[in-house]
Amino acid sequence: MPLDWAVVSQRYGNGADVPTVAGNKILHITGVDEEKIHIKSPLWVASLSRANLEKGVALIEEGVIDRQPGQFVEDYKIYVADERATSAAHILKDLGFLTEDRGYYPTC
């Protein structure tokens, strides 16, 4: 199932707190526009591009990128972009695209 940006906008458009995959922390989403999800922490402000998130979901669906968050982060950096891959994992886990975290285990 592709990433539905209307769902993303509705869910996070007014801001939201998303639990992190591990560590019992919170990722703060400040809003969504047509091209990005905007996030912040006490130390930084960033955004995740829609195009990269959509590509990541497509590659998950094709079986190129792993659904397990630890491996997803490494795959996302290789196949999509080194653009806050861990934050992308938190959001895609919250949206149901990723499974429970089992840690990172090299596959080669």
C-alpha atoms as a PDB file:
ATOM      1  CA  MET A   1       0.000   0.000   0.000  1.00  0.00           C
ATOM      2  CA  PRO A   2       1.562   3.334  -1.025  1.00  0.00           C
ATOM      3  CA  LEU A   3       2.012   6.230   1.369  1.00  0.00           C
ATOM      4  CA  ASP A   4      -1.216   8.249   1.317  1.00  0.00           C
ATOM      5  CA  TRP A   5      -0.172  11.869   1.872  1.00  0.00           C
ATOM      6  CA  ALA A   6      -3.764  12.852   2.718  1.00  0.00           C
ATOM      7  CA  VAL A   7      -3.591  10.458   5.685  1.00  0.00           C
ATOM      8  CA  VAL A   8      -0.193  11.867   6.673  1.00  0.00           C
ATOM      9  CA  SER A   9      -1.551  15.423   6.484  1.00  0.00           C
ATOM     10  CA  GLN A  10      -4.649  14.580   8.469  1.00  0.00           C
ATOM     11  CA  ARG A  11      -2.755  12.670  11.138  1.00  0.00           C
ATOM     12  CA  TYR A  12       0.179  15.039  11.613  1.00  0.00           C
ATOM     13  CA  GLY A  13      -0.895  18.311   9.978  1.00  0.00           C
ATOM     14  CA  ASN A  14      -1.625  20.121  13.230  1.00  0.00           C
ATOM     15  CA  GLY A  15       1.412  18.643  14.936  1.00  0.00           C
ATOM     16  CA  ALA A  16       1.722  15.383  16.821  1.00  0.00           C
ATOM     17  CA  ASP A  17       3.917  13.450  19.188  1.00  0.00           C
ATOM     18  CA  VAL A  18       5.099  10.106  17.821  1.00  0.00           C
ATOM     19  CA  PRO A  19       6.716   7.495  20.055  1.00  0.00           C
ATOM     20  CA  THR A  20      10.199   6.509  19.004  1.00  0.00           C
ATOM     21  CA  VAL A  21      10.842   2.953  17.901  1.00  0.00           C
ATOM     22  CA  ALA A  22      13.084   2.360  20.912  1.00  0.00           C
ATOM     23  CA  GLY A  23      14.113   4.308  23.964  1.00  0.00           C
ATOM     24  CA  ASN A  24      10.699   5.488  25.154  1.00  0.00           C
ATOM     25  CA  LYS A  25      11.174   8.975  23.723  1.00  0.00           C
ATOM     26  CA  ILE A  26       8.937  11.178  21.597  1.00  0.00           C
ATOM     27  CA  LEU A  27       9.458  12.634  18.118  1.00  0.00           C
ATOM     28  CA  HIS A  28       7.701  16.004  17.879  1.00  0.00           C
ATOM     29  CA  ILE A  29       6.045  16.700  14.538  1.00  0.00           C
ATOM     30  CA  THR A  30       5.269  20.389  14.149  1.00  0.00           C
ATOM     31  CA  GLY A  31       3.306  20.146  10.909  1.00  0.00           C
ATOM     32  CA  VAL A  32       2.966  18.861   7.372  1.00  0.00           C
ATOM     33  CA  ASP A  33       2.813  20.666   4.049  1.00  0.00           C
ATOM     34  CA  GLU A  34       2.577  19.319   0.501  1.00  0.00           C
ATOM     35  CA  GLU A  35       6.282  18.459   0.349  1.00  0.00           C
ATOM     36  CA  LYS A  36       7.509  17.735   3.887  1.00  0.00           C
ATOM     37  CA  ILE A  37       6.859  16.588   7.419  1.00  0.00           C
ATOM     38  CA  HIS A  38       8.401  19.090   9.823  1.00  0.00           C
ATOM     39  CA  ILE A  39       9.976  17.784  13.026  1.00  0.00           C
ATOM     40  CA  LYS A  40      11.912  19.186  15.960  1.00  0.00           C
ATOM     41  CA  SER A  41      13.774  18.230  19.071  1.00  0.00           C
ATOM     42  CA  PRO A  42      15.222  20.407  21.809  1.00  0.00           C
ATOM     43  CA  LEU A  43      18.492  20.508  19.824  1.00  0.00           C
ATOM     44  CA  TRP A  44      17.483  20.668  16.159  1.00  0.00           C
ATOM     45  CA  VAL A  45      14.752  21.376  13.609  1.00  0.00           C
ATOM     46  CA  ALA A  46      14.451  19.338  10.411  1.00  0.00           C
ATOM     47  CA  SER A  47      12.055  18.048   7.801  1.00  0.00           C
ATOM     48  CA  LEU A  48      11.473  14.788   5.987  1.00  0.00           C
ATOM     49  CA  SER A  49      10.694  15.039   2.296  1.00  0.00           C
ATOM     50  CA  ARG A  50       7.528  13.517   0.949  1.00  0.00           C
ATOM     51  CA  ALA A  51       9.363  12.184  -2.106  1.00  0.00           C
ATOM     52  CA  ASN A  52      11.871  10.291   0.024  1.00  0.00           C
ATOM     53  CA  LEU A  53       9.219   8.873   2.356  1.00  0.00           C
ATOM     54  CA  GLU A  54       7.123   7.747  -0.627  1.00  0.00           C
ATOM     55  CA  LYS A  55      10.177   6.130  -2.220  1.00  0.00           C
ATOM     56  CA  GLY A  56      10.993   4.409   1.073  1.00  0.00           C
ATOM     57  CA  VAL A  57       7.483   2.977   1.361  1.00  0.00           C
ATOM     58  CA  ALA A  58       7.567   1.809  -2.263  1.00  0.00           C
ATOM     59  CA  LEU A  59      10.863   0.016  -1.624  1.00  0.00           C
ATOM     60  CA  ILE A  60       9.411  -1.578   1.527  1.00  0.00           C
ATOM     61  CA  GLU A  61       6.492  -2.853  -0.537  1.00  0.00           C
ATOM     62  CA  GLU A  62       8.896  -4.213  -3.188  1.00  0.00           C
ATOM     63  CA  GLY A  63      10.886  -6.024  -0.511  1.00  0.00           C
ATOM     64  CA  VAL A  64      14.057  -4.030  -1.150  1.00  0.00           C
ATOM     65  CA  ILE A  65      13.974  -2.267   2.239  1.00  0.00           C
ATOM     66  CA  ASP A  66      13.367  -4.252   5.414  1.00  0.00           C
ATOM     67  CA  ARG A  67      10.245  -3.653   7.533  1.00  0.00           C
ATOM     68  CA  GLN A  68      12.186  -4.147  10.762  1.00  0.00           C
ATOM     69  CA  PRO A  69      13.139  -0.640  12.023  1.00  0.00           C
ATOM     70  CA  GLY A  70      16.801  -1.320  12.812  1.00  0.00           C
ATOM     71  CA  GLN A  71      17.500  -2.664   9.341  1.00  0.00           C
ATOM     72  CA  PHE A  72      15.125  -0.156   7.722  1.00  0.00           C
ATOM     73  CA  VAL A  73      17.304   2.748   8.879  1.00  0.00           C
ATOM     74  CA  GLU A  74      20.399   1.271   7.255  1.00  0.00           C
ATOM     75  CA  ASP A  75      18.524   0.365   4.053  1.00  0.00           C
ATOM     76  CA  TYR A  76      16.873   3.801   3.862  1.00  0.00           C
ATOM     77  CA  LYS A  77      20.273   5.504   4.019  1.00  0.00           C
ATOM     78  CA  ILE A  78      21.538   3.312   1.170  1.00  0.00           C
ATOM     79  CA  TYR A  79      18.516   3.182  -1.157  1.00  0.00           C
ATOM     80  CA  VAL A  80      16.705   6.453  -0.462  1.00  0.00           C
ATOM     81  CA  ALA A  81      18.607   9.221   1.352  1.00  0.00           C
ATOM     82  CA  ASP A  82      20.623   9.962   4.441  1.00  0.00           C
ATOM     83  CA  GLU A  83      17.883  12.326   5.585  1.00  0.00           C
ATOM     84  CA  ARG A  84      16.976  11.680   9.219  1.00  0.00           C
ATOM     85  CA  ALA A  85      16.463   7.974   8.518  1.00  0.00           C
ATOM     86  CA  THR A  86      15.766   7.225  12.170  1.00  0.00           C
ATOM     87  CA  SER A  87      13.042   9.880  12.257  1.00  0.00           C
ATOM     88  CA  ALA A  88      11.577   8.391   9.074  1.00  0.00           C
ATOM     89  CA  ALA A  89      11.500   5.018  10.854  1.00  0.00           C
ATOM     90  CA  HIS A  90       9.579   6.476  13.813  1.00  0.00           C
ATOM     91  CA  ILE A  91       6.945   7.959  11.513  1.00  0.00           C
ATOM     92  CA  LEU A  92       6.628   4.934   9.225  1.00  0.00           C
ATOM     93  CA  LYS A  93       6.344   2.668  12.281  1.00  0.00           C
ATOM     94  CA  ASP A  94       3.574   4.915  13.623  1.00  0.00           C
ATOM     95  CA  LEU A  95       1.817   4.665  10.236  1.00  0.00           C
ATOM     96  CA  GLY A  96       2.032   0.858  10.290  1.00  0.00           C
ATOM     97  CA  PHE A  97       4.647   0.293   7.581  1.00  0.00           C
ATOM     98  CA  LEU A  98       7.301  -1.101   9.930  1.00  0.00           C
ATOM     99  CA  THR A  99       7.230  -3.966  12.428  1.00  0.00           C
ATOM    100  CA  GLU A 100       8.416  -4.068  16.030  1.00  0.00           C
ATOM    101  CA  ASP A 101      12.077  -3.270  16.592  1.00  0.00           C
ATOM    102  CA  ARG A 102      14.367  -6.266  17.120  1.00  0.00           C
ATOM    103  CA  GLY A 103      17.615  -4.314  16.891  1.00  0.00           C
ATOM    104  CA  TYR A 104      20.038  -4.125  14.008  1.00  0.00           C
ATOM    105  CA  TYR A 105      21.669  -7.304  12.778  1.00  0.00           C
ATOM    106  CA  PRO A 106      23.953  -7.208   9.739  1.00  0.00           C
ATOM    107  CA  THR A 107      22.592  -9.380   6.937  1.00  0.00           C
ATOM    108  CA  CYS A 108      25.893 -10.152   5.237  1.00  0.00           C
END
